Amino acid sequence: MLKRMPSYILISMLAVFFLTRPAFALFEGENYKIGGDFRLRQVFFDNIIDANDDTDDQFNFFRFRLRMFGEYAPSPEFRLYTRITGEPRYYFDPDYDDETRNEEFVFDNLYIEFKTGTDIPSTTRIGRQDIVQGSSLLILDGTPLDGSRTIYVDAIRQIFKLDNLNIDIFFSQVESDDPLPKINDQDLLLTEEDEQVHGIFIKGNVSDTVKMEG
């Protein structure tokens, strides 16, 4: 069976020994970075769909998430960032005619970021980006239907960082069918319907605490 596996999957399995950090810069200059990361997962479950032992519903497959990023920052006040992501899957069970699936690659990050404000330091970020807030419990995944391949939203975001207080204001949306160009487009849906999420997230440290005595 291994002889039928595509060569890029075998290469990806070897890459796990070299890309040991979440984001690895392969090329880096004074104002640019080019790199990527790799994640390998095996998924196995049996009798989980209908709880019927007589049904052959065993699943066993590998997930190969590959991401390549590019960053250009000509000054400390401006940054352009883009990332291409794909997560091909190789199935052992069920026994499909084509064992390799989900071979679509998309732009899951594409934004500009610039520093704003003088008296109050702040950052403006516009474009496709990941927003994770509230220990990943309140705000995390804008694209749930593709698993953990992507989590992005298309957003306008203003971030204020004070001495003991961070304020994140954002206006975001996700379209169920990605409007940006794709590599090997396979019409993979991202959400059940187009969605919009807007919010303000405030995080700070309380220096003075009140002790209850009794």
N, C-alpha and C. Protein backbone atom coordinates (compact mmCIF):
# COMPACT_ATOMS: atom_id res chain seq x y z
N MET A 1 0.82 -1.21 0.00
CA MET A 1 0.00 0.00 0.00
C MET A 1 0.86 1.26 0.00
N LEU A 2 2.03 1.21 0.68
CA LEU A 2 2.88 2.39 0.73
C LEU A 2 3.39 2.77 -0.64
N LYS A 3 3.51 1.80 -1.56
CA LYS A 3 3.99 2.11 -2.90
C LYS A 3 3.01 3.00 -3.64
N ARG A 4 1.74 2.98 -3.26
CA ARG A 4 0.74 3.78 -3.95
C ARG A 4 0.60 5.18 -3.36
N MET A 5 1.26 5.42 -2.24
CA MET A 5 1.15 6.74 -1.62
C MET A 5 1.87 7.77 -2.47
N PRO A 6 1.28 8.96 -2.68
CA PRO A 6 1.94 10.00 -3.47
C PRO A 6 3.28 10.39 -2.86
N SER A 7 4.21 10.77 -3.70
CA SER A 7 5.56 11.07 -3.23
C SER A 7 5.58 12.23 -2.27
N TYR A 8 4.68 13.24 -2.44
CA TYR A 8 4.72 14.39 -1.54
C TYR A 8 4.32 14.01 -0.13
N ILE A 9 3.53 12.93 0.03
CA ILE A 9 3.16 12.47 1.37
C ILE A 9 4.38 11.85 2.06
N LEU A 10 5.15 11.08 1.31
CA LEU A 10 6.36 10.51 1.89
C LEU A 10 7.34 11.60 2.28
N ILE A 11 7.45 12.63 1.43
CA ILE A 11 8.32 13.76 1.75
C ILE A 11 7.81 14.47 3.00
N SER A 12 6.51 14.62 3.12
CA SER A 12 5.93 15.28 4.28
C SER A 12 6.22 14.51 5.56
N MET A 13 6.19 13.19 5.49
CA MET A 13 6.47 12.38 6.67
C MET A 13 7.91 12.57 7.12
N LEU A 14 8.82 12.75 6.19
CA LEU A 14 10.21 13.01 6.54
C LEU A 14 10.38 14.42 7.11
N ALA A 15 9.55 15.35 6.64
CA ALA A 15 9.69 16.74 7.08
C ALA A 15 9.41 16.91 8.56
N VAL A 16 8.65 16.02 9.16
CA VAL A 16 8.32 16.15 10.58
C VAL A 16 9.58 16.09 11.44
N PHE A 17 10.65 15.48 10.95
CA PHE A 17 11.88 15.39 11.72
C PHE A 17 12.68 16.70 11.66
N PHE A 18 12.36 17.57 10.72
CA PHE A 18 13.12 18.80 10.55
C PHE A 18 12.34 20.03 10.99
N LEU A 19 11.04 20.06 10.75
CA LEU A 19 10.24 21.20 11.14
C LEU A 19 9.67 20.95 12.52
N THR A 20 10.45 21.23 13.54
CA THR A 20 10.08 20.90 14.91
C THR A 20 9.43 22.08 15.62
N ARG A 21 9.39 23.25 15.01
CA ARG A 21 8.78 24.41 15.64
C ARG A 21 7.48 24.75 14.91
N PRO A 22 6.54 25.47 15.60
CA PRO A 22 5.27 25.80 14.95
C PRO A 22 5.44 26.54 13.63
N ALA A 23 6.40 27.44 13.55
CA ALA A 23 6.67 28.16 12.31
C ALA A 23 8.18 28.25 12.13
N PHE A 24 8.68 27.68 11.05
CA PHE A 24 10.11 27.57 10.83
C PHE A 24 10.50 28.46 9.64
N ALA A 25 11.40 29.43 9.88
CA ALA A 25 11.85 30.33 8.82
C ALA A 25 12.94 29.65 8.00
N LEU A 26 12.63 29.33 6.76
CA LEU A 26 13.61 28.71 5.88
C LEU A 26 14.55 29.74 5.29
N PHE A 27 14.02 30.92 4.97
CA PHE A 27 14.82 32.03 4.43
C PHE A 27 14.46 33.29 5.22
N GLU A 28 15.47 34.04 5.59
CA GLU A 28 15.22 35.23 6.41
C GLU A 28 16.22 36.31 6.07
N GLY A 29 15.71 37.52 5.81
CA GLY A 29 16.55 38.66 5.52
C GLY A 29 16.26 39.80 6.47
N GLU A 30 16.74 40.97 6.11
CA GLU A 30 16.57 42.14 6.98
C GLU A 30 15.12 42.52 7.15
N ASN A 31 14.32 42.37 6.09
CA ASN A 31 12.91 42.79 6.18
C ASN A 31 11.94 41.74 5.64
N TYR A 32 12.37 40.48 5.54
CA TYR A 32 11.45 39.47 5.05
C TYR A 32 11.74 38.11 5.71
N LYS A 33 10.72 37.25 5.70
CA LYS A 33 10.84 35.88 6.17
C LYS A 33 10.02 34.98 5.25
N ILE A 34 10.54 33.80 4.96
CA ILE A 34 9.81 32.78 4.21
C ILE A 34 10.01 31.46 4.93
N GLY A 35 8.93 30.78 5.22
CA GLY A 35 9.06 29.53 5.96
C GLY A 35 7.78 28.73 5.95
N GLY A 36 7.65 27.85 6.92
CA GLY A 36 6.46 27.01 6.97
C GLY A 36 6.45 26.12 8.19
N ASP A 37 5.44 25.28 8.26
CA ASP A 37 5.36 24.28 9.31
C ASP A 37 4.59 23.07 8.79
N PHE A 38 4.69 22.00 9.53
CA PHE A 38 4.09 20.73 9.11
C PHE A 38 3.50 20.03 10.32
N ARG A 39 2.31 19.45 10.14
CA ARG A 39 1.67 18.70 11.22
C ARG A 39 1.14 17.39 10.67
N LEU A 40 1.45 16.29 11.36
CA LEU A 40 0.99 14.96 10.96
C LEU A 40 0.08 14.41 12.05
N ARG A 41 -1.11 13.97 11.64
CA ARG A 41 -2.04 13.34 12.56
C ARG A 41 -2.60 12.07 11.94
N GLN A 42 -2.81 11.07 12.78
CA GLN A 42 -3.54 9.88 12.34
C GLN A 42 -4.87 9.85 13.07
N VAL A 43 -5.94 9.61 12.32
CA VAL A 43 -7.29 9.57 12.87
C VAL A 43 -7.82 8.15 12.71
N PHE A 44 -8.31 7.58 13.81
CA PHE A 44 -8.88 6.24 13.76
C PHE A 44 -10.11 6.20 14.65
N PHE A 45 -11.22 5.73 14.11
CA PHE A 45 -12.39 5.47 14.94
C PHE A 45 -13.24 4.38 14.30
N ASP A 46 -13.97 3.68 15.14
CA ASP A 46 -14.75 2.53 14.70
C ASP A 46 -16.09 2.54 15.44
N ASN A 47 -17.15 2.28 14.71
CA ASN A 47 -18.48 2.15 15.29
C ASN A 47 -18.90 3.42 16.03
N ILE A 48 -18.54 4.58 15.49
CA ILE A 48 -18.86 5.83 16.16
C ILE A 48 -20.04 6.56 15.51
N ILE A 49 -20.43 6.15 14.31
CA ILE A 49 -21.48 6.88 13.59
C ILE A 49 -22.86 6.42 14.03
N ASP A 50 -23.09 5.10 14.09
CA ASP A 50 -24.44 4.61 14.39
C ASP A 50 -24.47 3.63 15.58
N ALA A 51 -23.31 3.38 16.22
CA ALA A 51 -23.24 2.48 17.38
C ALA A 51 -23.79 1.09 17.06
N ASN A 52 -23.60 0.66 15.81
CA ASN A 52 -24.09 -0.65 15.37
C ASN A 52 -22.88 -1.51 15.00
N ASP A 53 -22.65 -2.58 15.76
CA ASP A 53 -21.48 -3.43 15.50
C ASP A 53 -21.55 -4.13 14.15
N ASP A 54 -22.74 -4.28 13.61
CA ASP A 54 -22.90 -4.97 12.33
C ASP A 54 -22.57 -4.09 11.14
N THR A 55 -22.40 -2.79 11.38
CA THR A 55 -22.10 -1.85 10.29
C THR A 55 -20.59 -1.66 10.17
N ASP A 56 -20.10 -1.75 8.95
CA ASP A 56 -18.68 -1.56 8.71
C ASP A 56 -18.42 -0.06 8.54
N ASP A 57 -18.14 0.63 9.64
CA ASP A 57 -17.92 2.09 9.57
C ASP A 57 -16.61 2.45 10.26
N GLN A 58 -15.58 1.69 9.97
CA GLN A 58 -14.25 1.98 10.51
C GLN A 58 -13.55 3.00 9.63
N PHE A 59 -12.93 3.99 10.29
CA PHE A 59 -12.17 5.01 9.58
C PHE A 59 -10.75 5.01 10.13
N ASN A 60 -9.79 5.09 9.21
CA ASN A 60 -8.37 5.14 9.57
C ASN A 60 -7.66 5.92 8.48
N PHE A 61 -7.16 7.11 8.81
CA PHE A 61 -6.51 7.93 7.78
C PHE A 61 -5.49 8.86 8.41
N PHE A 62 -4.55 9.32 7.57
CA PHE A 62 -3.54 10.31 7.95
C PHE A 62 -3.99 11.68 7.46
N ARG A 63 -3.67 12.70 8.27
CA ARG A 63 -3.90 14.10 7.90
C ARG A 63 -2.54 14.80 7.86
N PHE A 64 -2.20 15.36 6.70
CA PHE A 64 -0.90 16.02 6.50
C PHE A 64 -1.14 17.52 6.28
N ARG A 65 -1.02 18.30 7.33
CA ARG A 65 -1.22 19.74 7.15
C ARG A 65 0.11 20.41 6.86
N LEU A 66 0.19 21.05 5.68
CA LEU A 66 1.38 21.77 5.26
C LEU A 66 1.04 23.25 5.11
N ARG A 67 1.88 24.11 5.68
CA ARG A 67 1.66 25.56 5.58
C ARG A 67 2.98 26.24 5.20
N MET A 68 2.88 27.17 4.24
CA MET A 68 4.02 27.99 3.84
C MET A 68 3.63 29.46 4.01
N PHE A 69 4.51 30.24 4.65
CA PHE A 69 4.18 31.64 4.89
C PHE A 69 5.26 32.55 4.32
N GLY A 70 4.87 33.79 4.07
CA GLY A 70 5.79 34.84 3.66
C GLY A 70 5.47 36.11 4.40
N GLU A 71 6.49 36.80 4.89
CA GLU A 71 6.31 38.04 5.65
C GLU A 71 7.26 39.11 5.13
N TYR A 72 6.71 40.30 4.92
CA TYR A 72 7.52 41.43 4.46
C TYR A 72 7.26 42.61 5.38
N ALA A 73 8.32 43.10 6.04
CA ALA A 73 8.20 44.20 7.00
C ALA A 73 9.30 45.22 6.72
N PRO A 74 9.04 46.17 5.81
CA PRO A 74 10.08 47.15 5.48
C PRO A 74 10.40 48.11 6.61
N SER A 75 9.51 48.19 7.61
CA SER A 75 9.73 49.08 8.76
C SER A 75 9.02 48.49 9.96
N PRO A 76 9.35 48.94 11.18
CA PRO A 76 8.64 48.44 12.37
C PRO A 76 7.17 48.82 12.39
N GLU A 77 6.77 49.77 11.55
CA GLU A 77 5.39 50.24 11.56
C GLU A 77 4.50 49.52 10.56
N PHE A 78 5.06 48.70 9.67
CA PHE A 78 4.25 48.08 8.62
C PHE A 78 4.68 46.63 8.40
N ARG A 79 3.68 45.78 8.17
CA ARG A 79 3.96 44.36 7.90
C ARG A 79 2.92 43.80 6.96
N LEU A 80 3.37 42.99 5.99
CA LEU A 80 2.50 42.25 5.08
C LEU A 80 2.75 40.77 5.31
N TYR A 81 1.68 40.00 5.50
CA TYR A 81 1.83 38.58 5.83
C TYR A 81 0.86 37.76 5.00
N THR A 82 1.34 36.63 4.48
CA THR A 82 0.48 35.71 3.74
C THR A 82 0.89 34.28 4.05
N ARG A 83 -0.10 33.37 3.97
CA ARG A 83 0.17 31.97 4.25
C ARG A 83 -0.74 31.09 3.40
N ILE A 84 -0.18 30.03 2.83
CA ILE A 84 -0.92 29.05 2.03
C ILE A 84 -0.97 27.74 2.81
N THR A 85 -2.17 27.15 2.90
CA THR A 85 -2.36 25.98 3.74
C THR A 85 -3.13 24.89 2.99
N GLY A 86 -2.74 23.65 3.22
CA GLY A 86 -3.48 22.50 2.73
C GLY A 86 -3.36 21.36 3.71
N GLU A 87 -4.33 20.46 3.67
CA GLU A 87 -4.28 19.28 4.55
C GLU A 87 -4.78 18.05 3.80
N PRO A 88 -3.95 17.49 2.92
CA PRO A 88 -4.33 16.26 2.23
C PRO A 88 -4.52 15.12 3.22
N ARG A 89 -5.39 14.19 2.86
CA ARG A 89 -5.65 13.03 3.70
C ARG A 89 -5.41 11.74 2.90
N TYR A 90 -4.81 10.79 3.57
CA TYR A 90 -4.59 9.48 2.95
C TYR A 90 -5.36 8.44 3.74
N TYR A 91 -6.30 7.73 3.07
CA TYR A 91 -7.20 6.80 3.73
C TYR A 91 -6.73 5.35 3.59
N PHE A 92 -6.68 4.67 4.73
CA PHE A 92 -6.53 3.22 4.75
C PHE A 92 -7.91 2.55 4.80
N ASP A 93 -8.80 3.11 5.62
CA ASP A 93 -10.19 2.67 5.72
C ASP A 93 -11.08 3.92 5.77
N PRO A 94 -12.18 3.93 5.06
CA PRO A 94 -12.70 2.93 4.12
C PRO A 94 -11.78 2.77 2.88
N ASP A 95 -12.02 1.74 2.15
CA ASP A 95 -11.19 1.42 0.99
C ASP A 95 -11.74 2.15 -0.24
N TYR A 96 -11.32 3.42 -0.40
CA TYR A 96 -11.76 4.21 -1.55
C TYR A 96 -10.93 3.84 -2.78
N ASP A 97 -11.50 4.11 -3.96
CA ASP A 97 -10.73 3.91 -5.21
C ASP A 97 -9.54 4.85 -5.24
N ASP A 98 -9.74 6.09 -4.77
CA ASP A 98 -8.67 7.06 -4.67
C ASP A 98 -8.40 7.31 -3.19
N GLU A 99 -7.29 6.78 -2.67
CA GLU A 99 -7.04 6.87 -1.24
C GLU A 99 -6.74 8.29 -0.76
N THR A 100 -6.25 9.15 -1.67
CA THR A 100 -5.85 10.50 -1.29
C THR A 100 -6.99 11.47 -1.57
N ARG A 101 -7.34 12.28 -0.55
CA ARG A 101 -8.45 13.22 -0.68
C ARG A 101 -8.10 14.55 -0.04
N ASN A 102 -8.98 15.55 -0.25
CA ASN A 102 -8.82 16.88 0.33
C ASN A 102 -7.47 17.50 -0.04
N GLU A 103 -7.15 17.47 -1.32
CA GLU A 103 -5.85 17.97 -1.77
C GLU A 103 -5.91 19.44 -2.21
N GLU A 104 -6.80 20.19 -1.61
CA GLU A 104 -6.98 21.60 -1.94
C GLU A 104 -6.09 22.47 -1.05
N PHE A 105 -5.48 23.51 -1.64
CA PHE A 105 -4.67 24.47 -0.89
C PHE A 105 -5.29 25.86 -1.03
N VAL A 106 -5.31 26.61 0.10
CA VAL A 106 -5.98 27.91 0.12
C VAL A 106 -5.09 28.94 0.81
N PHE A 107 -5.42 30.22 0.58
CA PHE A 107 -4.81 31.29 1.35
C PHE A 107 -5.57 31.39 2.67
N ASP A 108 -4.95 30.99 3.76
CA ASP A 108 -5.65 31.07 5.04
C ASP A 108 -5.22 32.27 5.86
N ASN A 109 -4.19 32.99 5.41
CA ASN A 109 -3.82 34.29 5.98
C ASN A 109 -3.37 35.20 4.85
N LEU A 110 -3.84 36.42 4.88
CA LEU A 110 -3.42 37.41 3.90
C LEU A 110 -3.84 38.78 4.43
N TYR A 111 -2.93 39.47 5.10
CA TYR A 111 -3.32 40.73 5.74
C TYR A 111 -2.16 41.73 5.74
N ILE A 112 -2.53 42.99 5.94
CA ILE A 112 -1.57 44.06 6.19
C ILE A 112 -1.75 44.53 7.63
N GLU A 113 -0.66 44.94 8.24
CA GLU A 113 -0.69 45.37 9.63
C GLU A 113 0.18 46.60 9.78
N PHE A 114 -0.33 47.63 10.43
CA PHE A 114 0.46 48.83 10.63
C PHE A 114 0.18 49.43 12.00
N LYS A 115 1.22 50.07 12.55
CA LYS A 115 1.12 50.68 13.85
C LYS A 115 0.39 52.02 13.74
N THR A 116 -0.50 52.27 14.68
CA THR A 116 -1.25 53.52 14.72
C THR A 116 -1.26 54.05 16.14
N GLY A 117 -1.51 55.33 16.26
CA GLY A 117 -1.60 55.93 17.59
C GLY A 117 -0.25 56.35 18.12
N THR A 118 -0.23 57.44 18.85
CA THR A 118 1.00 57.94 19.47
C THR A 118 0.88 57.88 21.00
N ASP A 119 -0.13 58.56 21.53
CA ASP A 119 -0.32 58.54 22.98
C ASP A 119 -0.76 57.16 23.46
N ILE A 120 -1.61 56.49 22.68
CA ILE A 120 -2.08 55.15 23.01
C ILE A 120 -1.58 54.20 21.92
N PRO A 121 -0.63 53.34 22.21
CA PRO A 121 -0.12 52.40 21.19
C PRO A 121 -1.22 51.46 20.69
N SER A 122 -1.29 51.32 19.37
CA SER A 122 -2.31 50.44 18.81
C SER A 122 -1.82 49.90 17.47
N THR A 123 -2.48 48.83 17.03
CA THR A 123 -2.14 48.16 15.77
C THR A 123 -3.43 47.93 14.99
N THR A 124 -3.39 48.23 13.70
CA THR A 124 -4.51 47.96 12.80
C THR A 124 -4.13 46.81 11.89
N ARG A 125 -5.03 45.82 11.80
CA ARG A 125 -4.79 44.67 10.94
C ARG A 125 -6.01 44.48 10.04
N ILE A 126 -5.77 44.43 8.74
CA ILE A 126 -6.86 44.31 7.76
C ILE A 126 -6.58 43.13 6.85
N GLY A 127 -7.56 42.23 6.74
CA GLY A 127 -7.43 41.11 5.83
C GLY A 127 -7.74 39.78 6.50
N ARG A 128 -7.32 38.71 5.86
CA ARG A 128 -7.59 37.35 6.34
C ARG A 128 -6.59 37.01 7.44
N GLN A 129 -7.11 36.58 8.60
CA GLN A 129 -6.26 36.37 9.76
C GLN A 129 -6.92 35.40 10.73
N ASP A 130 -6.12 34.88 11.66
CA ASP A 130 -6.63 34.04 12.74
C ASP A 130 -6.91 34.91 13.95
N ILE A 131 -8.08 34.77 14.55
CA ILE A 131 -8.41 35.47 15.79
C ILE A 131 -8.70 34.42 16.85
N VAL A 132 -7.87 34.40 17.87
CA VAL A 132 -8.02 33.45 18.97
C VAL A 132 -8.03 34.24 20.27
N GLN A 133 -9.12 34.18 21.01
CA GLN A 133 -9.26 34.94 22.24
C GLN A 133 -10.00 34.10 23.28
N GLY A 134 -9.78 34.44 24.53
CA GLY A 134 -10.47 33.76 25.62
C GLY A 134 -10.01 32.34 25.80
N SER A 135 -8.67 32.12 25.77
CA SER A 135 -8.09 30.78 25.93
C SER A 135 -8.69 29.79 24.93
N SER A 136 -8.98 30.27 23.73
CA SER A 136 -9.54 29.47 22.63
C SER A 136 -10.96 28.99 22.90
N LEU A 137 -11.60 29.52 23.93
CA LEU A 137 -12.97 29.11 24.26
C LEU A 137 -14.02 30.08 23.72
N LEU A 138 -13.71 31.36 23.70
CA LEU A 138 -14.69 32.37 23.26
C LEU A 138 -14.62 32.60 21.76
N ILE A 139 -13.42 32.76 21.22
CA ILE A 139 -13.25 33.06 19.80
C ILE A 139 -12.13 32.17 19.28
N LEU A 140 -12.42 31.35 18.26
CA LEU A 140 -11.37 30.48 17.73
C LEU A 140 -11.53 30.18 16.26
N ASP A 141 -12.54 29.44 15.88
CA ASP A 141 -12.58 28.80 14.57
C ASP A 141 -13.63 29.44 13.68
N GLY A 142 -13.17 30.18 12.67
CA GLY A 142 -14.11 30.77 11.72
C GLY A 142 -14.51 29.84 10.60
N THR A 143 -13.81 28.72 10.45
CA THR A 143 -14.06 27.79 9.33
C THR A 143 -14.17 26.36 9.87
N PRO A 144 -15.23 26.03 10.57
CA PRO A 144 -15.30 24.73 11.26
C PRO A 144 -15.45 23.51 10.35
N LEU A 145 -15.96 23.67 9.13
CA LEU A 145 -16.27 22.50 8.32
C LEU A 145 -15.04 21.85 7.69
N ASP A 146 -13.89 22.50 7.73
CA ASP A 146 -12.69 21.86 7.18
C ASP A 146 -11.78 21.34 8.29
N GLY A 147 -12.38 21.05 9.44
CA GLY A 147 -11.59 20.55 10.55
C GLY A 147 -10.66 21.63 11.07
N SER A 148 -9.44 21.27 11.37
CA SER A 148 -8.46 22.25 11.86
C SER A 148 -7.48 22.65 10.77
N ARG A 149 -7.85 22.43 9.51
CA ARG A 149 -6.98 22.88 8.41
C ARG A 149 -6.80 24.38 8.47
N THR A 150 -7.91 25.13 8.63
CA THR A 150 -7.86 26.58 8.75
C THR A 150 -8.80 27.01 9.87
N ILE A 151 -8.55 28.21 10.42
CA ILE A 151 -9.43 28.78 11.44
C ILE A 151 -9.69 30.27 11.17
N TYR A 152 -9.41 30.73 9.98
CA TYR A 152 -9.36 32.16 9.70
C TYR A 152 -10.72 32.84 9.65
N VAL A 153 -10.67 34.18 9.68
CA VAL A 153 -11.80 35.05 9.35
C VAL A 153 -11.26 36.19 8.51
N ASP A 154 -12.10 36.82 7.72
CA ASP A 154 -11.75 38.04 7.00
C ASP A 154 -12.19 39.20 7.89
N ALA A 155 -11.24 40.02 8.33
CA ALA A 155 -11.57 40.96 9.41
C ALA A 155 -10.83 42.29 9.28
N ILE A 156 -11.44 43.29 9.91
CA ILE A 156 -10.79 44.56 10.22
C ILE A 156 -10.66 44.59 11.74
N ARG A 157 -9.45 44.85 12.20
CA ARG A 157 -9.17 44.67 13.63
C ARG A 157 -8.31 45.81 14.16
N GLN A 158 -8.67 46.30 15.34
CA GLN A 158 -7.89 47.34 16.00
C GLN A 158 -7.51 46.82 17.39
N ILE A 159 -6.21 46.79 17.66
CA ILE A 159 -5.70 46.23 18.90
C ILE A 159 -4.97 47.33 19.68
N PHE A 160 -5.43 47.57 20.91
CA PHE A 160 -4.79 48.55 21.80
C PHE A 160 -4.06 47.79 22.90
N LYS A 161 -2.78 48.12 23.11
CA LYS A 161 -2.00 47.49 24.16
C LYS A 161 -1.51 48.56 25.14
N LEU A 162 -2.10 48.55 26.32
CA LEU A 162 -1.72 49.47 27.38
C LEU A 162 -0.85 48.74 28.39
N ASP A 163 -0.48 49.42 29.46
CA ASP A 163 0.41 48.82 30.45
C ASP A 163 -0.19 47.55 31.06
N ASN A 164 -1.45 47.61 31.44
CA ASN A 164 -2.07 46.45 32.08
C ASN A 164 -3.43 46.11 31.48
N LEU A 165 -3.63 46.54 30.21
CA LEU A 165 -4.92 46.31 29.58
C LEU A 165 -4.75 46.17 28.07
N ASN A 166 -5.35 45.11 27.49
CA ASN A 166 -5.39 44.92 26.05
C ASN A 166 -6.84 44.97 25.57
N ILE A 167 -7.08 45.72 24.52
CA ILE A 167 -8.42 45.85 23.95
C ILE A 167 -8.36 45.45 22.48
N ASP A 168 -9.21 44.50 22.09
CA ASP A 168 -9.24 43.99 20.72
C ASP A 168 -10.63 44.22 20.16
N ILE A 169 -10.73 45.10 19.17
CA ILE A 169 -12.01 45.41 18.53
C ILE A 169 -11.95 44.87 17.10
N PHE A 170 -12.96 44.08 16.71
CA PHE A 170 -12.89 43.46 15.38
C PHE A 170 -14.27 43.35 14.74
N PHE A 171 -14.26 43.43 13.41
CA PHE A 171 -15.43 43.20 12.56
C PHE A 171 -15.02 42.14 11.56
N SER A 172 -15.68 40.98 11.58
CA SER A 172 -15.21 39.86 10.76
C SER A 172 -16.36 39.17 10.06
N GLN A 173 -16.00 38.44 9.00
CA GLN A 173 -16.97 37.63 8.27
C GLN A 173 -16.26 36.44 7.64
N VAL A 174 -17.03 35.40 7.34
CA VAL A 174 -16.54 34.21 6.65
C VAL A 174 -17.58 33.79 5.64
N GLU A 175 -17.16 33.54 4.41
CA GLU A 175 -18.06 33.03 3.38
C GLU A 175 -17.91 31.51 3.30
N SER A 176 -19.03 30.81 3.13
CA SER A 176 -19.01 29.36 3.12
C SER A 176 -18.16 28.81 1.97
N ASP A 177 -18.11 29.52 0.85
CA ASP A 177 -17.26 29.15 -0.27
C ASP A 177 -16.20 30.23 -0.43
N ASP A 178 -14.96 29.89 -0.20
CA ASP A 178 -13.86 30.85 -0.20
C ASP A 178 -13.79 31.59 -1.53
N PRO A 179 -13.87 32.95 -1.50
CA PRO A 179 -13.83 33.70 -2.76
C PRO A 179 -12.42 33.87 -3.34
N LEU A 180 -11.38 33.62 -2.54
CA LEU A 180 -10.01 33.79 -3.03
C LEU A 180 -9.61 32.61 -3.91
N PRO A 181 -8.63 32.81 -4.78
CA PRO A 181 -8.17 31.70 -5.64
C PRO A 181 -7.65 30.54 -4.82
N LYS A 182 -7.83 29.32 -5.35
CA LYS A 182 -7.38 28.11 -4.67
C LYS A 182 -6.50 27.30 -5.60
N ILE A 183 -5.68 26.45 -5.00
CA ILE A 183 -4.88 25.50 -5.75
C ILE A 183 -5.58 24.15 -5.68
N ASN A 184 -5.90 23.58 -6.85
CA ASN A 184 -6.61 22.31 -6.91
C ASN A 184 -7.97 22.43 -6.21
N ASP A 185 -8.75 23.36 -6.66
CA ASP A 185 -10.06 23.66 -6.06
C ASP A 185 -10.95 22.42 -6.05
N GLN A 186 -11.43 22.05 -4.86
CA GLN A 186 -12.30 20.89 -4.70
C GLN A 186 -13.62 21.26 -4.05
N ASP A 187 -13.96 22.55 -4.02
CA ASP A 187 -15.25 23.02 -3.52
C ASP A 187 -15.51 22.57 -2.08
N LEU A 188 -14.47 22.60 -1.24
CA LEU A 188 -14.65 22.24 0.16
C LEU A 188 -15.31 23.40 0.90
N LEU A 189 -16.44 23.13 1.54
CA LEU A 189 -17.16 24.17 2.27
C LEU A 189 -16.46 24.46 3.59
N LEU A 190 -16.59 25.72 4.04
CA LEU A 190 -15.93 26.17 5.26
C LEU A 190 -16.90 26.36 6.41
N THR A 191 -18.10 26.84 6.10
CA THR A 191 -19.16 27.01 7.09
C THR A 191 -20.47 26.58 6.44
N GLU A 192 -21.49 26.36 7.26
CA GLU A 192 -22.79 25.97 6.72
C GLU A 192 -23.46 27.12 5.98
N GLU A 193 -23.15 28.35 6.37
CA GLU A 193 -23.67 29.53 5.70
C GLU A 193 -22.73 30.70 5.98
N ASP A 194 -22.87 31.78 5.20
CA ASP A 194 -22.03 32.95 5.43
C ASP A 194 -22.30 33.50 6.83
N GLU A 195 -21.23 33.90 7.52
CA GLU A 195 -21.36 34.35 8.89
C GLU A 195 -20.61 35.65 9.12
N GLN A 196 -21.09 36.41 10.10
CA GLN A 196 -20.42 37.63 10.56
C GLN A 196 -20.32 37.59 12.08
N VAL A 197 -19.15 37.97 12.57
CA VAL A 197 -18.94 38.05 14.01
C VAL A 197 -18.20 39.35 14.31
N HIS A 198 -18.77 40.17 15.18
CA HIS A 198 -18.16 41.43 15.58
C HIS A 198 -18.07 41.46 17.10
N GLY A 199 -17.03 42.05 17.62
CA GLY A 199 -16.92 42.05 19.07
C GLY A 199 -15.81 42.92 19.61
N ILE A 200 -15.79 43.03 20.93
CA ILE A 200 -14.75 43.72 21.68
C ILE A 200 -14.28 42.77 22.77
N PHE A 201 -13.00 42.48 22.78
CA PHE A 201 -12.43 41.60 23.79
C PHE A 201 -11.44 42.40 24.62
N ILE A 202 -11.65 42.41 25.93
CA ILE A 202 -10.81 43.19 26.84
C ILE A 202 -10.14 42.23 27.82
N LYS A 203 -8.85 42.37 27.95
CA LYS A 203 -8.08 41.52 28.84
C LYS A 203 -7.11 42.38 29.65
N GLY A 204 -7.11 42.20 30.97
CA GLY A 204 -6.22 43.00 31.80
C GLY A 204 -5.81 42.28 33.05
N ASN A 205 -4.92 42.92 33.81
CA ASN A 205 -4.43 42.39 35.08
C ASN A 205 -4.95 43.25 36.22
N VAL A 206 -5.47 42.61 37.22
CA VAL A 206 -5.95 43.32 38.40
C VAL A 206 -4.85 43.31 39.44
N SER A 207 -4.30 44.48 39.72
CA SER A 207 -3.16 44.55 40.64
C SER A 207 -3.59 44.59 42.10
N ASP A 208 -4.74 45.19 42.33
CA ASP A 208 -5.25 45.27 43.71
C ASP A 208 -6.35 44.25 43.91
N THR A 209 -6.18 43.37 44.85
CA THR A 209 -7.19 42.34 45.14
C THR A 209 -7.84 42.59 46.47
N VAL A 210 -9.05 42.13 46.57
CA VAL A 210 -9.81 42.29 47.81
C VAL A 210 -9.88 40.95 48.50
N LYS A 211 -9.45 40.90 49.75
CA LYS A 211 -9.46 39.66 50.51
C LYS A 211 -10.65 39.64 51.43
N MET A 212 -11.36 38.54 51.37
CA MET A 212 -12.51 38.37 52.24
C MET A 212 -12.06 37.69 53.53
N GLU A 213 -12.37 38.30 54.64
CA GLU A 213 -12.01 37.75 55.93
C GLU A 213 -13.27 37.28 56.64
N GLY A 214 -13.15 36.20 57.34
CA GLY A 214 -14.31 35.71 58.08
C GLY A 214 -14.07 34.32 58.61
